[in-house]
Every structure is written in structure tokens, then in C-alpha cells.
């Protein structure tokens, strides 16, 4: 079957699935005992760190301004401007910054200034017992996925896939950021922005409930086979990516499939994959959409693409470790429990 006919067939089957039984998976029996961090409020102190790539003085000031504009105080050490090649300082320094922020009683929550690369290098240097005894909000995305996975898998602390310090804190992103971290409601509907709604499409229709886990696709794949991986059985896996051509997306999804990591997932929520189209001169390449249909449709679980998270302006804040419902028909995720105390 050529790819054009494949897409047509998949679309027909997806539409037909809307009228049929909905897919609903239970949570995995292999559960992690959650620890909810204390909620944040205006006037609280945010510890700012650069655990991946380095930041410059302008990015530091931008991060401080963004967080202060939300009503928080900001604390950081002089080491935040450290640089070691493309990293934000030597591995030991970056790990110490994380440990110090969790042990500092004057710090109420932690925000990563940016992603980039480097978090995986320090996972073995983090004091997880310290974190378990001093739970705090931790937020970031992209390369920060490695921290979210490691901390949740080793401690049970619910962490947040959301804006970093240099993100655009527009009304949309700020609304979901503050609602998630302040515990405004025990049930929160995450509805994509009007701009993103235009490009959302369902790969496999249905509804599913499970614990949220996920982040950047490349990082999720890189943690497979390590003790920091999170078993996606019974979970709603959310994934985003940037700067990867379709064949690379294909390769990473295929690795997840071959590992068996996806066969028992409850559902898959895909964010916005930016700059993941084939090169203009590559006329033989599949499109991103074709790859996603080809790799994910046959899993038989609800899958939707284009929700508001990832390397985009409008961002949800998604708690890793909180129960949620994915509804492809309504094009949204609903958080079903508090993610903070």
C-alpha cells in the first residue's frame, strides 16, 4: 500500500473508531508511591538553576524577570553562569546546584533556566534521598526530561514538564503554569490554544486514563535500559520533539516499539514537533504525519498529535506522576488529581 492510500485508510478507520467502543486502560500494577511537592504561592522563592546547557547574563536576567513578573522571588548562585564547553559548568557543579536548591530551606520551588544538553550526565550525582526528604516543585522541558524522569523514578516526587526560565510566559502558558503549581483545582482541563487547535489530528481515536509520563522523545529513548526509565505500562505517554527529520522520529519510535515499551501504554499524547519536516530537497522522505500514523496507529491505543506543549510558545504544564484522562474526541487532556499539596 502506498503512503497516500495508507493515510486515507487510517483516516477512515480513525473516524469509524469514534462510533465504536472507546479504549480504556487501567493503571499499571507497577506503581510508584507519589510524593506531592508543596504548592507555590506569590511571594515564594524560586531557585533558578542551569542543569544542562550554559546560559549567558542576558538569559539569566530574562529568567529572573519572567519569574518576578509572576510574583515570585528568585534565588540563584554565582555558579549559574558557569560554562564548561557547551555545558552550564562541570558535571559536579551542576549536580551540586540541584542538591543545594533542594536542601535550602529558603527555596520553595525550582525552575530550570533552560534545557539544551547535559542533564543525563549528572543523574548519578544527584542525592535522591535528600530530594525525597525535601520535596519541592521542579519544572522544565526538553533536556530537563532527564531530570523529571530520574527524580520521579527514584523518589516518587511529582515533577513538571513546563516552561523554563527563558520561555515565553504569555497569558496561555502562565495560566497553566500557575494553576498546576498552585493547586488551583483537583481537576484541570488542558485545552490547546486556538492557534494550535488548527493543526491537531487524531491518529487513533478513543479515551484513556492513566498516570502521565513523558517529555522530549530523544531523551525518553536515551533513558531506556537505565534505572531512570519510567515504565509506560498503563500510563499516558506524552512526547514532544524539535529538529529531528522524519526518519529519525521513525527510528526513535521504532526503538520504543521494539523494546515493548509502548505495547501496554494507555494512550499517547503528542505535542508540537517543531522543525521535524523533511529537507526540501529530499523528495523521497515520508512526512512527519506519515511516520506518526505508520508507527503508532497499529498500537491500538488512543493517539493524538498537536497539543500545546513542546518547543512552542503556548505551553501546558504537565505533571509527571499525576493521573489524567486523554480524550481524542475532545482533543484534550484532563488532570484528575492534585499534583501539589
C-alpha atoms as a PDB file:
ATOM      1  CA  UNK A   1       0.000   0.000   0.000  1.00  0.00           C
ATOM      2  CA  UNK A   2       1.475   3.387  -0.903  1.00  0.00           C
ATOM      3  CA  UNK A   3       1.671   6.006   1.797  1.00  0.00           C
ATOM      4  CA  UNK A   4      -1.115   8.177   0.362  1.00  0.00           C
ATOM      5  CA  UNK A   5      -3.588   5.298   0.394  1.00  0.00           C
ATOM      6  CA  UNK A   6      -2.309   4.275   3.808  1.00  0.00           C
ATOM      7  CA  UNK A   7      -3.132   7.689   5.228  1.00  0.00           C
ATOM      8  CA  UNK A   8      -6.586   7.639   3.654  1.00  0.00           C
ATOM      9  CA  UNK A   9      -7.287   4.181   5.073  1.00  0.00           C
ATOM     10  CA  UNK A  10      -6.029   5.145   8.508  1.00  0.00           C
ATOM     11  CA  UNK A  11      -8.186   8.287   8.493  1.00  0.00           C
ATOM     12  CA  UNK A  12     -11.293   6.277   7.615  1.00  0.00           C
ATOM     13  CA  UNK A  13     -10.567   3.755  10.356  1.00  0.00           C
ATOM     14  CA  UNK A  14      -9.936   6.552  12.840  1.00  0.00           C
ATOM     15  CA  UNK A  15     -13.237   8.220  12.025  1.00  0.00           C
ATOM     16  CA  UNK A  16     -15.063   4.920  12.256  1.00  0.00           C
ATOM     17  CA  UNK A  17     -13.477   4.297  15.625  1.00  0.00           C
ATOM     18  CA  UNK A  18     -15.251   7.338  17.046  1.00  0.00           C
ATOM     19  CA  UNK A  19     -18.573   5.495  16.827  1.00  0.00           C
ATOM     20  CA  UNK A  20     -17.217   2.267  18.279  1.00  0.00           C
ATOM     21  CA  UNK A  21     -16.120   1.209  21.752  1.00  0.00           C
ATOM     22  CA  UNK A  22     -13.644   3.530  23.403  1.00  0.00           C
ATOM     23  CA  UNK A  23     -10.296   2.278  24.633  1.00  0.00           C
ATOM     24  CA  UNK A  24      -9.859   2.500  28.375  1.00  0.00           C
ATOM     25  CA  UNK A  25      -6.798   1.077  30.097  1.00  0.00           C
ATOM     26  CA  UNK A  26      -6.235   0.659  33.787  1.00  0.00           C
ATOM     27  CA  UNK A  27      -3.083   1.822  35.515  1.00  0.00           C
ATOM     28  CA  UNK A  28      -0.083  -0.431  35.739  1.00  0.00           C
ATOM     29  CA  UNK A  29       0.296  -2.607  38.828  1.00  0.00           C
ATOM     30  CA  UNK A  30       3.913  -1.426  38.988  1.00  0.00           C
ATOM     31  CA  UNK A  31       3.138   1.878  40.617  1.00  0.00           C
ATOM     32  CA  UNK A  32       5.420   4.416  42.249  1.00  0.00           C
ATOM     33  CA  UNK A  33       4.295   5.887  45.546  1.00  0.00           C
ATOM     34  CA  UNK A  34       3.834   9.565  44.770  1.00  0.00           C
ATOM     35  CA  UNK A  35       5.190  12.451  46.772  1.00  0.00           C
ATOM     36  CA  UNK A  36       3.418  15.743  46.070  1.00  0.00           C
ATOM     37  CA  UNK A  37       5.542  18.890  46.442  1.00  0.00           C
ATOM     38  CA  UNK A  38       4.204  21.829  48.445  1.00  0.00           C
ATOM     39  CA  UNK A  39       2.190  24.227  46.297  1.00  0.00           C
ATOM     40  CA  UNK A  40       3.637  27.574  45.299  1.00  0.00           C
ATOM     41  CA  UNK A  41       2.110  30.965  46.006  1.00  0.00           C
ATOM     42  CA  UNK A  42       3.026  34.530  45.196  1.00  0.00           C
ATOM     43  CA  UNK A  43       5.912  35.718  47.294  1.00  0.00           C
ATOM     44  CA  UNK A  44       7.542  32.280  47.428  1.00  0.00           C
ATOM     45  CA  UNK A  45      11.194  31.913  46.446  1.00  0.00           C
ATOM     46  CA  UNK A  46      12.147  30.117  43.244  1.00  0.00           C
ATOM     47  CA  UNK A  47      15.602  28.598  42.962  1.00  0.00           C
ATOM     48  CA  UNK A  48      16.980  29.058  39.446  1.00  0.00           C
ATOM     49  CA  UNK A  49      19.424  26.502  38.018  1.00  0.00           C
ATOM     50  CA  UNK A  50      21.088  25.650  34.684  1.00  0.00           C
ATOM     51  CA  UNK A  51      21.487  21.842  34.839  1.00  0.00           C
ATOM     52  CA  UNK A  52      22.012  21.347  31.091  1.00  0.00           C
ATOM     53  CA  UNK A  53      23.491  23.848  28.659  1.00  0.00           C
ATOM     54  CA  UNK A  54      25.057  27.109  29.797  1.00  0.00           C
ATOM     55  CA  UNK A  55      23.208  30.418  29.948  1.00  0.00           C
ATOM     56  CA  UNK A  56      24.544  33.926  29.476  1.00  0.00           C
ATOM     57  CA  UNK A  57      23.858  37.027  31.567  1.00  0.00           C
ATOM     58  CA  UNK A  58      21.028  38.192  29.313  1.00  0.00           C
ATOM     59  CA  UNK A  59      19.270  34.817  29.619  1.00  0.00           C
ATOM     60  CA  UNK A  60      19.758  34.879  33.383  1.00  0.00           C
ATOM     61  CA  UNK A  61      18.169  38.316  33.628  1.00  0.00           C
ATOM     62  CA  UNK A  62      15.339  37.259  31.328  1.00  0.00           C
ATOM     63  CA  UNK A  63      14.632  34.265  33.564  1.00  0.00           C
ATOM     64  CA  UNK A  64      14.674  36.391  36.707  1.00  0.00           C
ATOM     65  CA  UNK A  65      12.335  38.965  35.154  1.00  0.00           C
ATOM     66  CA  UNK A  66       9.904  36.305  33.978  1.00  0.00           C
ATOM     67  CA  UNK A  67       9.607  34.715  37.412  1.00  0.00           C
ATOM     68  CA  UNK A  68       9.466  38.013  39.289  1.00  0.00           C
ATOM     69  CA  UNK A  69       6.672  39.160  36.988  1.00  0.00           C
ATOM     70  CA  UNK A  70       4.702  36.117  38.167  1.00  0.00           C
ATOM     71  CA  UNK A  71       5.062  37.314  41.748  1.00  0.00           C
ATOM     72  CA  UNK A  72       7.919  35.072  42.889  1.00  0.00           C
ATOM     73  CA  UNK A  73      11.239  35.942  44.468  1.00  0.00           C
ATOM     74  CA  UNK A  74      14.248  34.433  42.707  1.00  0.00           C
ATOM     75  CA  UNK A  75      17.411  32.952  44.178  1.00  0.00           C
ATOM     76  CA  UNK A  76      20.486  31.646  42.372  1.00  0.00           C
ATOM     77  CA  UNK A  77      24.187  31.214  42.988  1.00  0.00           C
ATOM     78  CA  UNK A  78      27.050  32.721  41.015  1.00  0.00           C
ATOM     79  CA  UNK A  79      27.668  29.229  39.600  1.00  0.00           C
ATOM     80  CA  UNK A  80      24.621  29.544  37.373  1.00  0.00           C
ATOM     81  CA  UNK A  81      26.788  31.354  34.821  1.00  0.00           C
ATOM     82  CA  UNK A  82      29.481  28.670  34.862  1.00  0.00           C
ATOM     83  CA  UNK A  83      30.495  27.265  31.499  1.00  0.00           C
ATOM     84  CA  UNK A  84      32.277  24.052  30.586  1.00  0.00           C
ATOM     85  CA  UNK A  85      32.200  23.640  26.819  1.00  0.00           C
ATOM     86  CA  UNK A  86      28.517  23.514  25.879  1.00  0.00           C
ATOM     87  CA  UNK A  87      27.535  22.702  29.468  1.00  0.00           C
ATOM     88  CA  UNK A  88      26.469  25.014  32.288  1.00  0.00           C
ATOM     89  CA  UNK A  89      29.591  24.187  34.275  1.00  0.00           C
ATOM     90  CA  UNK A  90      31.287  20.892  35.111  1.00  0.00           C
ATOM     91  CA  UNK A  91      29.035  17.950  35.956  1.00  0.00           C
ATOM     92  CA  UNK A  92      29.859  18.137  39.666  1.00  0.00           C
ATOM     93  CA  UNK A  93      28.923  21.818  39.801  1.00  0.00           C
ATOM     94  CA  UNK A  94      25.563  21.304  38.091  1.00  0.00           C
ATOM     95  CA  UNK A  95      24.692  18.356  40.323  1.00  0.00           C
ATOM     96  CA  UNK A  96      25.631  20.330  43.431  1.00  0.00           C
ATOM     97  CA  UNK A  97      23.392  23.175  42.313  1.00  0.00           C
ATOM     98  CA  UNK A  98      20.418  20.804  42.210  1.00  0.00           C
ATOM     99  CA  UNK A  99      21.232  19.223  45.569  1.00  0.00           C
ATOM    100  CA  UNK A 100      21.798  22.621  47.173  1.00  0.00           C
ATOM    101  CA  UNK A 101      18.468  24.007  45.964  1.00  0.00           C
ATOM    102  CA  UNK A 102      16.592  21.029  47.385  1.00  0.00           C
ATOM    103  CA  UNK A 103      18.414  21.310  50.729  1.00  0.00           C
ATOM    104  CA  UNK A 104      17.986  25.119  51.003  1.00  0.00           C
ATOM    105  CA  UNK A 105      15.021  25.775  53.308  1.00  0.00           C
ATOM    106  CA  UNK A 106      14.619  29.294  51.922  1.00  0.00           C
ATOM    107  CA  UNK A 107      13.828  27.900  48.444  1.00  0.00           C
ATOM    108  CA  UNK A 108      10.203  26.881  47.845  1.00  0.00           C
ATOM    109  CA  UNK A 109      10.428  25.631  44.250  1.00  0.00           C
ATOM    110  CA  UNK A 110      12.974  25.146  41.470  1.00  0.00           C
ATOM    111  CA  UNK A 111      12.853  26.273  37.837  1.00  0.00           C
ATOM    112  CA  UNK A 112      15.441  25.346  35.220  1.00  0.00           C
ATOM    113  CA  UNK A 113      16.638  28.373  33.261  1.00  0.00           C
ATOM    114  CA  UNK A 114      16.931  26.424  30.005  1.00  0.00           C
ATOM    115  CA  UNK A 115      17.353  22.940  28.553  1.00  0.00           C
ATOM    116  CA  UNK A 116      19.941  22.242  25.877  1.00  0.00           C
ATOM    117  CA  UNK A 117      22.011  19.189  26.772  1.00  0.00           C
ATOM    118  CA  UNK A 118      23.713  17.803  29.842  1.00  0.00           C
ATOM    119  CA  UNK A 119      21.188  16.597  32.416  1.00  0.00           C
ATOM    120  CA  UNK A 120      21.737  12.887  31.778  1.00  0.00           C
ATOM    121  CA  UNK A 121      25.424  13.276  32.658  1.00  0.00           C
ATOM    122  CA  UNK A 122      24.644  14.197  36.271  1.00  0.00           C
ATOM    123  CA  UNK A 123      21.851  11.754  37.159  1.00  0.00           C
ATOM    124  CA  UNK A 124      24.183   9.517  39.173  1.00  0.00           C
ATOM    125  CA  UNK A 125      25.410  12.522  41.178  1.00  0.00           C
ATOM    126  CA  UNK A 126      22.010  13.656  42.440  1.00  0.00           C
ATOM    127  CA  UNK A 127      21.124  12.989  46.091  1.00  0.00           C
ATOM    128  CA  UNK A 128      17.715  11.314  45.745  1.00  0.00           C
ATOM    129  CA  UNK A 129      17.378  10.665  49.486  1.00  0.00           C
ATOM    130  CA  UNK A 130      17.805  14.395  50.051  1.00  0.00           C
ATOM    131  CA  UNK A 131      15.133  15.154  47.472  1.00  0.00           C
ATOM    132  CA  UNK A 132      12.749  12.604  48.978  1.00  0.00           C
ATOM    133  CA  UNK A 133      13.072  14.318  52.349  1.00  0.00           C
ATOM    134  CA  UNK A 134      12.793  17.842  50.908  1.00  0.00           C
ATOM    135  CA  UNK A 135      10.172  17.677  48.135  1.00  0.00           C
ATOM    136  CA  UNK A 136       9.811  20.798  46.008  1.00  0.00           C
ATOM    137  CA  UNK A 137       8.307  21.774  42.700  1.00  0.00           C
ATOM    138  CA  UNK A 138      10.746  21.280  39.808  1.00  0.00           C
ATOM    139  CA  UNK A 139       9.879  22.483  36.300  1.00  0.00           C
ATOM    140  CA  UNK A 140      11.441  22.424  32.846  1.00  0.00           C
ATOM    141  CA  UNK A 141      11.204  20.658  29.499  1.00  0.00           C
ATOM    142  CA  UNK A 142      13.324  19.411  26.587  1.00  0.00           C
ATOM    143  CA  UNK A 143      16.624  18.109  28.051  1.00  0.00           C
ATOM    144  CA  UNK A 144      15.156  18.619  31.545  1.00  0.00           C
ATOM    145  CA  UNK A 145      13.115  15.487  30.768  1.00  0.00           C
ATOM    146  CA  UNK A 146      16.107  13.512  32.076  1.00  0.00           C
ATOM    147  CA  UNK A 147      15.766  15.180  35.488  1.00  0.00           C
ATOM    148  CA  UNK A 148      11.996  14.716  35.576  1.00  0.00           C
ATOM    149  CA  UNK A 149      12.356  11.005  34.789  1.00  0.00           C
ATOM    150  CA  UNK A 150      15.192  10.405  37.218  1.00  0.00           C
ATOM    151  CA  UNK A 151      13.680  12.235  40.157  1.00  0.00           C
ATOM    152  CA  UNK A 152      10.224  10.721  39.702  1.00  0.00           C
ATOM    153  CA  UNK A 153      11.529   7.184  39.167  1.00  0.00           C
ATOM    154  CA  UNK A 154      13.919   7.327  42.140  1.00  0.00           C
ATOM    155  CA  UNK A 155      11.803   9.273  44.649  1.00  0.00           C
ATOM    156  CA  UNK A 156       8.184   9.387  43.508  1.00  0.00           C
ATOM    157  CA  UNK A 157       8.258  13.196  43.575  1.00  0.00           C
ATOM    158  CA  UNK A 158       5.822  14.618  41.041  1.00  0.00           C
ATOM    159  CA  UNK A 159       7.785  16.902  38.690  1.00  0.00           C
ATOM    160  CA  UNK A 160       6.560  19.282  35.993  1.00  0.00           C
ATOM    161  CA  UNK A 161       7.137  19.391  32.249  1.00  0.00           C
ATOM    162  CA  UNK A 162       6.591  23.088  31.677  1.00  0.00           C
ATOM    163  CA  UNK A 163       8.246  26.398  30.863  1.00  0.00           C
ATOM    164  CA  UNK A 164      11.902  27.094  31.609  1.00  0.00           C
ATOM    165  CA  UNK A 165      13.151  30.474  32.750  1.00  0.00           C
ATOM    166  CA  UNK A 166      13.747  31.825  29.236  1.00  0.00           C
ATOM    167  CA  UNK A 167      10.397  30.594  27.886  1.00  0.00           C
ATOM    168  CA  UNK A 168       7.729  32.983  26.657  1.00  0.00           C
ATOM    169  CA  UNK A 169       5.415  33.472  29.620  1.00  0.00           C
ATOM    170  CA  UNK A 170       2.382  34.637  27.696  1.00  0.00           C
ATOM    171  CA  UNK A 171      -1.147  34.504  29.112  1.00  0.00           C
ATOM    172  CA  UNK A 172      -1.731  30.932  27.934  1.00  0.00           C
ATOM    173  CA  UNK A 173       1.475  29.462  29.380  1.00  0.00           C
ATOM    174  CA  UNK A 174       1.277  31.489  32.588  1.00  0.00           C
ATOM    175  CA  UNK A 175      -2.288  30.357  33.231  1.00  0.00           C
ATOM    176  CA  UNK A 176      -1.444  26.650  33.094  1.00  0.00           C
ATOM    177  CA  UNK A 177       1.882  27.140  34.897  1.00  0.00           C
ATOM    178  CA  UNK A 178       0.361  28.890  37.910  1.00  0.00           C
ATOM    179  CA  UNK A 179      -2.711  26.636  38.033  1.00  0.00           C
ATOM    180  CA  UNK A 180      -0.569  23.488  38.124  1.00  0.00           C
ATOM    181  CA  UNK A 181       1.924  24.741  40.707  1.00  0.00           C
ATOM    182  CA  UNK A 182      -0.589  26.462  42.976  1.00  0.00           C
ATOM    183  CA  UNK A 183      -3.042  23.547  43.082  1.00  0.00           C
ATOM    184  CA  UNK A 184      -5.923  25.735  41.953  1.00  0.00           C
ATOM    185  CA  UNK A 185      -8.132  22.726  41.225  1.00  0.00           C
ATOM    186  CA  UNK A 186      -8.132  18.946  41.640  1.00  0.00           C
ATOM    187  CA  UNK A 187      -9.425  18.582  38.068  1.00  0.00           C
ATOM    188  CA  UNK A 188      -7.950  20.728  35.304  1.00  0.00           C
ATOM    189  CA  UNK A 189      -8.811  20.589  31.608  1.00  0.00           C
ATOM    190  CA  UNK A 190      -5.858  21.258  29.326  1.00  0.00           C
ATOM    191  CA  UNK A 191      -7.277  22.773  26.152  1.00  0.00           C
ATOM    192  CA  UNK A 192      -4.822  23.673  23.384  1.00  0.00           C
ATOM    193  CA  UNK A 193      -4.556  27.249  22.168  1.00  0.00           C
ATOM    194  CA  UNK A 194      -6.710  28.412  19.273  1.00  0.00           C
ATOM    195  CA  UNK A 195      -3.645  28.566  17.041  1.00  0.00           C
ATOM    196  CA  UNK A 196      -2.592  25.002  17.870  1.00  0.00           C
ATOM    197  CA  UNK A 197      -6.139  23.671  17.506  1.00  0.00           C
ATOM    198  CA  UNK A 198      -5.874  24.201  13.739  1.00  0.00           C
ATOM    199  CA  UNK A 199      -3.217  21.510  13.371  1.00  0.00           C
ATOM    200  CA  UNK A 200      -4.385  18.870  15.841  1.00  0.00           C
ATOM    201  CA  UNK A 201      -5.204  15.492  14.324  1.00  0.00           C
ATOM    202  CA  UNK A 202      -6.187  12.138  15.778  1.00  0.00           C
ATOM    203  CA  UNK A 203      -4.119   9.118  14.821  1.00  0.00           C
ATOM    204  CA  UNK A 204      -6.214   6.607  16.777  1.00  0.00           C
ATOM    205  CA  UNK A 205      -9.427   7.694  18.467  1.00  0.00           C
ATOM    206  CA  UNK A 206     -10.527   6.856  21.994  1.00  0.00           C
ATOM    207  CA  UNK A 207     -10.290   7.738  25.667  1.00  0.00           C
ATOM    208  CA  UNK A 208      -7.783   6.518  28.224  1.00  0.00           C
ATOM    209  CA  UNK A 209      -6.884   7.136  31.839  1.00  0.00           C
ATOM    210  CA  UNK A 210      -3.507   6.664  33.448  1.00  0.00           C
ATOM    211  CA  UNK A 211      -0.531   8.325  35.088  1.00  0.00           C
ATOM    212  CA  UNK A 212       1.188  10.974  32.957  1.00  0.00           C
ATOM    213  CA  UNK A 213       4.805  10.371  31.994  1.00  0.00           C
ATOM    214  CA  UNK A 214       6.951  11.630  29.163  1.00  0.00           C
ATOM    215  CA  UNK A 215       8.749  14.627  27.755  1.00  0.00           C
ATOM    216  CA  UNK A 216      11.230  15.016  24.941  1.00  0.00           C
ATOM    217  CA  UNK A 217      11.222  11.950  22.666  1.00  0.00           C
ATOM    218  CA  UNK A 218      15.010  11.820  22.226  1.00  0.00           C
ATOM    219  CA  UNK A 219      15.595  11.936  25.980  1.00  0.00           C
ATOM    220  CA  UNK A 220      12.886   9.371  26.740  1.00  0.00           C
ATOM    221  CA  UNK A 221      14.519   6.965  24.277  1.00  0.00           C
ATOM    222  CA  UNK A 222      18.003   7.671  25.657  1.00  0.00           C
ATOM    223  CA  UNK A 223      16.926   6.590  29.159  1.00  0.00           C
ATOM    224  CA  UNK A 224      15.659   3.183  28.050  1.00  0.00           C
ATOM    225  CA  UNK A 225      17.622   0.409  29.722  1.00  0.00           C
ATOM    226  CA  UNK A 226      18.709   2.645  32.597  1.00  0.00           C
ATOM    227  CA  UNK A 227      17.382   2.630  36.136  1.00  0.00           C
ATOM    228  CA  UNK A 228      15.919   6.076  35.486  1.00  0.00           C
ATOM    229  CA  UNK A 229      13.441   4.906  32.862  1.00  0.00           C
ATOM    230  CA  UNK A 230       9.724   5.051  33.696  1.00  0.00           C
ATOM    231  CA  UNK A 231       7.653   2.013  32.769  1.00  0.00           C
ATOM    232  CA  UNK A 232       4.891   3.325  30.440  1.00  0.00           C
ATOM    233  CA  UNK A 233       2.578   0.400  31.205  1.00  0.00           C
ATOM    234  CA  UNK A 234      -0.888   1.789  31.871  1.00  0.00           C
ATOM    235  CA  UNK A 235       0.370   5.351  31.509  1.00  0.00           C
ATOM    236  CA  UNK A 236      -0.471   8.211  29.192  1.00  0.00           C
ATOM    237  CA  UNK A 237       2.824   8.926  27.483  1.00  0.00           C
ATOM    238  CA  UNK A 238       3.295  12.499  26.283  1.00  0.00           C
ATOM    239  CA  UNK A 239       6.062  13.282  23.798  1.00  0.00           C
ATOM    240  CA  UNK A 240       7.491  16.330  22.035  1.00  0.00           C
ATOM    241  CA  UNK A 241      10.479  16.924  19.773  1.00  0.00           C
ATOM    242  CA  UNK A 242      12.413  19.540  17.819  1.00  0.00           C
ATOM    243  CA  UNK A 243      14.921  19.463  14.982  1.00  0.00           C
ATOM    244  CA  UNK A 244      14.654  15.777  14.068  1.00  0.00           C
ATOM    245  CA  UNK A 245      13.912  14.662  10.493  1.00  0.00           C
ATOM    246  CA  UNK A 246      11.099  12.135   9.941  1.00  0.00           C
ATOM    247  CA  UNK A 247      13.468   9.172   9.573  1.00  0.00           C
ATOM    248  CA  UNK A 248      14.947   9.979  12.966  1.00  0.00           C
ATOM    249  CA  UNK A 249      11.488  10.207  14.524  1.00  0.00           C
ATOM    250  CA  UNK A 250      10.745   6.873  12.843  1.00  0.00           C
ATOM    251  CA  UNK A 251      13.899   5.353  14.333  1.00  0.00           C
ATOM    252  CA  UNK A 252      13.134   6.520  17.859  1.00  0.00           C
ATOM    253  CA  UNK A 253       9.503   5.402  17.782  1.00  0.00           C
ATOM    254  CA  UNK A 254      10.582   2.062  16.313  1.00  0.00           C
ATOM    255  CA  UNK A 255      13.031   1.618  19.182  1.00  0.00           C
ATOM    256  CA  UNK A 256      10.244   2.254  21.678  1.00  0.00           C
ATOM    257  CA  UNK A 257       8.039  -0.254  19.871  1.00  0.00           C
ATOM    258  CA  UNK A 258      10.721  -2.954  19.604  1.00  0.00           C
ATOM    259  CA  UNK A 259      11.558  -2.578  23.286  1.00  0.00           C
ATOM    260  CA  UNK A 260       7.984  -3.412  24.172  1.00  0.00           C
ATOM    261  CA  UNK A 261       7.701  -0.104  26.000  1.00  0.00           C
ATOM    262  CA  UNK A 262       4.620   1.020  24.106  1.00  0.00           C
ATOM    263  CA  UNK A 263       2.519  -2.126  23.826  1.00  0.00           C
ATOM    264  CA  UNK A 264       0.888  -1.673  27.249  1.00  0.00           C
ATOM    265  CA  UNK A 265       0.698   2.119  27.387  1.00  0.00           C
ATOM    266  CA  UNK A 266      -2.806   3.520  27.938  1.00  0.00           C
ATOM    267  CA  UNK A 267      -2.503   6.281  25.354  1.00  0.00           C
ATOM    268  CA  UNK A 268      -0.091   8.674  23.660  1.00  0.00           C
ATOM    269  CA  UNK A 269      -0.404  12.465  23.593  1.00  0.00           C
ATOM    270  CA  UNK A 270       1.923  14.157  21.132  1.00  0.00           C
ATOM    271  CA  UNK A 271       2.778  17.812  21.419  1.00  0.00           C
ATOM    272  CA  UNK A 272       4.060  20.028  18.645  1.00  0.00           C
ATOM    273  CA  UNK A 273       7.057  18.568  16.816  1.00  0.00           C
ATOM    274  CA  UNK A 274       8.886  21.661  15.571  1.00  0.00           C
ATOM    275  CA  UNK A 275      11.327  21.637  12.663  1.00  0.00           C
ATOM    276  CA  UNK A 276      10.742  17.927  12.107  1.00  0.00           C
ATOM    277  CA  UNK A 277       9.763  18.117   8.441  1.00  0.00           C
ATOM    278  CA  UNK A 278      11.939  16.523   5.751  1.00  0.00           C
ATOM    279  CA  UNK A 279      14.528  18.638   3.984  1.00  0.00           C
ATOM    280  CA  UNK A 280      13.070  20.367   0.942  1.00  0.00           C
ATOM    281  CA  UNK A 281      15.482  18.628  -1.403  1.00  0.00           C
ATOM    282  CA  UNK A 282      14.623  15.177  -0.031  1.00  0.00           C
ATOM    283  CA  UNK A 283      11.725  14.190  -2.296  1.00  0.00           C
ATOM    284  CA  UNK A 284      11.731  10.546  -1.139  1.00  0.00           C
ATOM    285  CA  UNK A 285      11.113  11.201   2.542  1.00  0.00           C
ATOM    286  CA  UNK A 286       7.935  10.395   4.398  1.00  0.00           C
ATOM    287  CA  UNK A 287       6.316  13.378   6.071  1.00  0.00           C
ATOM    288  CA  UNK A 288       6.173  13.609   9.851  1.00  0.00           C
ATOM    289  CA  UNK A 289       2.452  12.844   9.752  1.00  0.00           C
ATOM    290  CA  UNK A 290       3.007   9.728   7.652  1.00  0.00           C
ATOM    291  CA  UNK A 291       5.631   8.456  10.094  1.00  0.00           C
ATOM    292  CA  UNK A 292       3.407   9.042  13.121  1.00  0.00           C
ATOM    293  CA  UNK A 293       0.465   7.221  11.520  1.00  0.00           C
ATOM    294  CA  UNK A 294       2.645   4.370  10.303  1.00  0.00           C
ATOM    295  CA  UNK A 295       4.382   3.783  13.634  1.00  0.00           C
ATOM    296  CA  UNK A 296       1.597   4.497  16.143  1.00  0.00           C
ATOM    297  CA  UNK A 297      -1.770   3.631  14.589  1.00  0.00           C
ATOM    298  CA  UNK A 298      -1.327  -0.138  14.896  1.00  0.00           C
ATOM    299  CA  UNK A 299      -0.689   0.096  18.643  1.00  0.00           C
ATOM    300  CA  UNK A 300      -4.463   0.174  19.050  1.00  0.00           C
ATOM    301  CA  UNK A 301      -4.427   2.824  21.795  1.00  0.00           C
ATOM    302  CA  UNK A 302      -5.641   6.445  21.659  1.00  0.00           C
ATOM    303  CA  UNK A 303      -3.054   8.686  19.968  1.00  0.00           C
ATOM    304  CA  UNK A 304      -3.400  12.376  19.160  1.00  0.00           C
ATOM    305  CA  UNK A 305      -0.933  14.889  17.697  1.00  0.00           C
ATOM    306  CA  UNK A 306      -0.538  18.653  18.067  1.00  0.00           C
ATOM    307  CA  UNK A 307      -1.439  19.507  21.656  1.00  0.00           C
ATOM    308  CA  UNK A 308       0.027  22.653  23.187  1.00  0.00           C
ATOM    309  CA  UNK A 309       3.316  21.526  24.648  1.00  0.00           C
ATOM    310  CA  UNK A 310       6.886  21.242  23.460  1.00  0.00           C
ATOM    311  CA  UNK A 311       9.185  23.798  21.845  1.00  0.00           C
ATOM    312  CA  UNK A 312       6.297  26.183  21.203  1.00  0.00           C
ATOM    313  CA  UNK A 313       5.080  29.481  22.589  1.00  0.00           C
ATOM    314  CA  UNK A 314       1.839  28.183  24.096  1.00  0.00           C
ATOM    315  CA  UNK A 315       2.689  25.557  26.722  1.00  0.00           C
ATOM    316  CA  UNK A 316       0.792  23.339  29.093  1.00  0.00           C
ATOM    317  CA  UNK A 317       2.454  22.464  32.380  1.00  0.00           C
ATOM    318  CA  UNK A 318       2.201  18.670  32.608  1.00  0.00           C
ATOM    319  CA  UNK A 319       2.850  16.897  35.929  1.00  0.00           C
ATOM    320  CA  UNK A 320       4.846  13.678  35.647  1.00  0.00           C
ATOM    321  CA  UNK A 321       3.163  11.258  38.038  1.00  0.00           C
ATOM    322  CA  UNK A 322      -0.392  12.630  38.147  1.00  0.00           C
ATOM    323  CA  UNK A 323      -3.455  10.716  36.961  1.00  0.00           C
ATOM    324  CA  UNK A 324      -5.026  12.126  33.809  1.00  0.00           C
ATOM    325  CA  UNK A 325      -7.547  11.372  31.090  1.00  0.00           C
ATOM    326  CA  UNK A 326      -6.786  11.610  27.372  1.00  0.00           C
ATOM    327  CA  UNK A 327      -9.803  12.222  25.135  1.00  0.00           C
ATOM    328  CA  UNK A 328      -9.005  12.385  21.418  1.00  0.00           C
ATOM    329  CA  UNK A 329     -12.589  13.282  20.509  1.00  0.00           C
ATOM    330  CA  UNK A 330     -12.473  16.402  22.652  1.00  0.00           C
ATOM    331  CA  UNK A 331      -8.802  16.997  21.803  1.00  0.00           C
ATOM    332  CA  UNK A 332      -7.704  17.462  25.370  1.00  0.00           C
ATOM    333  CA  UNK A 333      -6.053  16.101  28.489  1.00  0.00           C
ATOM    334  CA  UNK A 334      -7.756  16.398  31.860  1.00  0.00           C
ATOM    335  CA  UNK A 335      -5.713  16.245  35.054  1.00  0.00           C
ATOM    336  CA  UNK A 336      -7.718  14.197  37.552  1.00  0.00           C
ATOM    337  CA  UNK A 337      -5.827  14.786  40.804  1.00  0.00           C
ATOM    338  CA  UNK A 338      -3.891  17.480  42.591  1.00  0.00           C
ATOM    339  CA  UNK A 339      -0.207  17.493  41.683  1.00  0.00           C
ATOM    340  CA  UNK A 340       0.833  19.608  44.689  1.00  0.00           C
ATOM    341  CA  UNK A 341      -0.029  19.618  48.390  1.00  0.00           C
END
